[in-house]
Amino acid sequence: MYLDGTVGFSIRYPADYSIDTSYKYQALGPGKDISGVKFTIPSNLATGTNLSSFDTGVSVEIIPAVQDCNAGLFLDENIDVQTVTDNGNNYSFASTTQGAAGNRYEEKVWAIPGTNPCIAARYFIHSTNIGNYPEGAVSEFNRDALINQFEKIRHSLTTL
């Protein structure tokens, strides 16, 4: 279990995931870093598949001094933000999928409305185009199993 007494949350993650307590999400551009903690999948989860173990994982990210905590703050502008209820909790939810040079980047952000600082869980899934490999060289990763693991982690997120 990871506990952040300063921001006020705890979260459970699998023992074989690596943890980065100095993590910063930097995809929004210079000067727009979002601090947090990231739990990256173990390399054996991606071995032999088109999944990247380098940066695929779940992060808990914090944006300080926000009146309206919503998922749109954690992604590029013009993202469709929805209010969803999952596992008995209300979330502001948004997702995006982008591709570049044979890579696919899928992100799902689950922000907790009413938190200040604004707290959100981000799923970051980096995979490569399965068609870029010789037939039989790698198998397609099990997306459903990965999402299930990420869901268990997110469902354990508790604000204190």
Protein backbone atom coordinates (compact mmCIF):
# COMPACT_ATOMS: atom_id res chain seq x y z
CA MET A 1 0.00 0.00 0.00
CA TYR A 2 1.12 3.55 -0.73
CA LEU A 3 0.10 6.35 1.66
CA ASP A 4 0.47 10.05 0.93
CA GLY A 5 -0.27 11.81 4.20
CA THR A 6 0.49 15.25 2.79
CA VAL A 7 -2.02 15.20 -0.08
CA GLY A 8 -4.30 12.78 1.74
CA PHE A 9 -4.76 9.52 -0.15
CA SER A 10 -3.83 5.86 -0.04
CA ILE A 11 -3.80 3.25 -2.78
CA ARG A 12 -2.98 -0.45 -3.07
CA TYR A 13 -0.89 -1.82 -5.93
CA PRO A 14 0.58 -5.22 -6.83
CA ALA A 15 3.92 -5.98 -5.16
CA ASP A 16 5.65 -6.59 -8.51
CA TYR A 17 4.81 -3.12 -9.87
CA SER A 18 7.56 -0.51 -9.58
CA ILE A 19 6.82 2.79 -7.87
CA ASP A 20 8.04 6.24 -8.85
CA THR A 21 7.33 8.80 -6.12
CA SER A 22 8.92 11.65 -8.11
CA TYR A 23 6.75 11.02 -11.19
CA LYS A 24 5.63 13.95 -13.33
CA TYR A 25 3.16 13.72 -16.21
CA GLN A 26 4.71 15.89 -18.94
CA ALA A 27 2.58 15.32 -22.06
CA LEU A 28 0.74 18.65 -21.75
CA GLY A 29 3.88 20.60 -22.67
CA PRO A 30 6.53 22.76 -21.01
CA GLY A 31 5.52 24.30 -17.69
CA LYS A 32 2.39 22.14 -17.41
CA ASP A 33 3.81 19.15 -15.51
CA ILE A 34 1.44 17.31 -13.18
CA SER A 35 3.09 15.75 -10.12
CA GLY A 36 2.12 12.45 -8.60
CA VAL A 37 3.16 8.87 -8.02
CA LYS A 38 3.26 6.17 -10.70
CA PHE A 39 2.95 2.40 -10.46
CA THR A 40 4.48 0.80 -13.56
CA ILE A 41 3.74 -2.77 -14.65
CA PRO A 42 6.46 -5.41 -14.25
CA SER A 43 8.37 -6.25 -17.43
CA ASN A 44 7.20 -9.89 -17.35
CA LEU A 45 3.63 -8.68 -17.95
CA ALA A 46 4.71 -7.38 -21.36
CA THR A 47 7.29 -9.99 -22.36
CA GLY A 48 6.46 -11.51 -25.74
CA THR A 49 3.66 -9.03 -26.42
CA ASN A 50 3.22 -5.66 -28.09
CA LEU A 51 2.80 -3.94 -24.69
CA SER A 52 5.50 -1.57 -23.41
CA SER A 53 6.54 -2.20 -19.81
CA PHE A 54 8.62 0.97 -19.83
CA ASP A 55 5.77 3.40 -19.17
CA THR A 56 2.50 1.44 -18.96
CA GLY A 57 0.90 1.80 -15.55
CA VAL A 58 -1.38 3.66 -13.19
CA SER A 59 -0.55 7.02 -11.69
CA VAL A 60 -2.20 9.14 -9.04
CA GLU A 61 -1.77 12.77 -10.00
CA ILE A 62 -2.36 15.99 -8.12
CA ILE A 63 -3.26 19.47 -9.37
CA PRO A 64 -3.16 21.98 -6.49
CA ALA A 65 -5.56 24.88 -5.86
CA VAL A 66 -8.41 23.89 -8.18
CA GLN A 67 -12.04 24.76 -7.54
CA ASP A 68 -13.52 22.36 -10.13
CA CYS A 69 -11.67 19.05 -10.05
CA ASN A 70 -12.38 17.35 -13.37
CA ALA A 71 -10.67 14.94 -15.75
CA GLY A 72 -10.28 17.60 -18.44
CA LEU A 73 -7.54 19.27 -16.38
CA PHE A 74 -5.34 16.19 -16.85
CA LEU A 75 -5.59 15.85 -20.65
CA ASP A 76 -5.28 18.05 -23.72
CA GLU A 77 -8.03 20.58 -24.37
CA ASN A 78 -11.25 19.66 -26.18
CA ILE A 79 -11.60 16.28 -24.49
CA ASP A 80 -15.09 14.96 -23.83
CA VAL A 81 -15.48 14.83 -20.03
CA GLN A 82 -18.22 12.68 -18.52
CA THR A 83 -19.57 12.17 -15.02
CA VAL A 84 -19.60 8.47 -14.20
CA THR A 85 -20.37 6.34 -11.18
CA ASP A 86 -18.17 3.30 -10.73
CA ASN A 87 -17.83 0.99 -7.76
CA GLY A 88 -20.10 3.33 -5.76
CA ASN A 89 -17.94 6.42 -6.39
CA ASN A 90 -18.56 9.44 -8.61
CA TYR A 91 -15.80 10.43 -11.02
CA SER A 92 -15.11 12.95 -13.70
CA PHE A 93 -13.87 10.73 -16.55
CA ALA A 94 -12.11 11.36 -19.84
CA SER A 95 -10.04 9.25 -22.20
CA THR A 96 -7.90 9.66 -25.26
CA THR A 97 -6.05 7.42 -27.68
CA GLN A 98 -3.23 8.66 -29.86
CA GLY A 99 -0.87 6.99 -32.28
CA ALA A 100 2.53 7.88 -33.64
CA ALA A 101 5.25 5.97 -35.49
CA GLY A 102 3.74 2.54 -34.83
CA ASN A 103 3.00 3.31 -31.16
CA ARG A 104 -0.39 3.62 -29.51
CA TYR A 105 -0.95 5.62 -26.34
CA GLU A 106 -4.22 5.11 -24.50
CA GLU A 107 -5.06 7.21 -21.45
CA LYS A 108 -8.02 7.09 -19.11
CA VAL A 109 -8.35 9.68 -16.34
CA TRP A 110 -10.61 9.28 -13.32
CA ALA A 111 -10.70 12.56 -11.34
CA ILE A 112 -12.38 12.77 -7.95
CA PRO A 113 -14.81 15.73 -7.93
CA GLY A 114 -14.66 17.96 -4.88
CA THR A 115 -11.05 17.19 -4.00
CA ASN A 116 -8.69 20.14 -3.52
CA PRO A 117 -5.96 19.56 -4.40
CA CYS A 118 -7.56 17.77 -7.34
CA ILE A 119 -6.75 14.03 -7.25
CA ALA A 120 -7.01 11.75 -10.28
CA ALA A 121 -5.97 8.26 -11.31
CA ARG A 122 -4.56 7.89 -14.82
CA TYR A 123 -4.23 4.65 -16.77
CA PHE A 124 -1.44 4.93 -19.34
CA ILE A 125 -1.21 2.06 -21.82
CA HIS A 126 1.61 2.14 -24.36
CA SER A 127 1.53 -0.54 -27.01
CA THR A 128 2.96 -1.00 -30.46
CA ASN A 129 1.19 -1.91 -33.69
CA ILE A 130 0.98 -5.71 -33.76
CA GLY A 131 1.11 -5.54 -37.58
CA ASN A 132 4.67 -4.19 -37.43
CA TYR A 133 6.03 -7.55 -36.28
CA PRO A 134 6.70 -10.69 -38.32
CA GLU A 135 3.80 -13.11 -37.91
CA GLY A 136 4.14 -15.06 -34.67
CA ALA A 137 7.01 -12.92 -33.30
CA VAL A 138 4.87 -11.40 -30.54
CA SER A 139 1.31 -11.80 -29.37
CA GLU A 140 -1.20 -9.06 -28.76
CA PHE A 141 -1.33 -8.12 -25.07
CA ASN A 142 -4.44 -9.00 -23.09
CA ARG A 143 -6.04 -5.56 -22.80
CA ASP A 144 -8.99 -6.78 -20.70
CA ALA A 145 -6.69 -8.43 -18.13
CA LEU A 146 -4.56 -5.29 -17.92
CA ILE A 147 -7.59 -3.02 -17.48
CA ASN A 148 -8.85 -5.40 -14.75
CA GLN A 149 -5.57 -4.99 -12.86
CA PHE A 150 -5.74 -1.22 -13.25
CA GLU A 151 -9.36 -1.19 -12.06
CA LYS A 152 -8.40 -3.06 -8.86
CA ILE A 153 -5.69 -0.49 -8.19
CA ARG A 154 -8.03 2.47 -8.84
CA HIS A 155 -10.83 0.98 -6.76
CA SER A 156 -8.42 0.89 -3.80
CA LEU A 157 -7.75 4.66 -4.06
CA THR A 158 -9.04 6.31 -0.90
CA THR A 159 -8.96 9.98 0.01
CA LEU A 160 -8.18 10.65 3.66
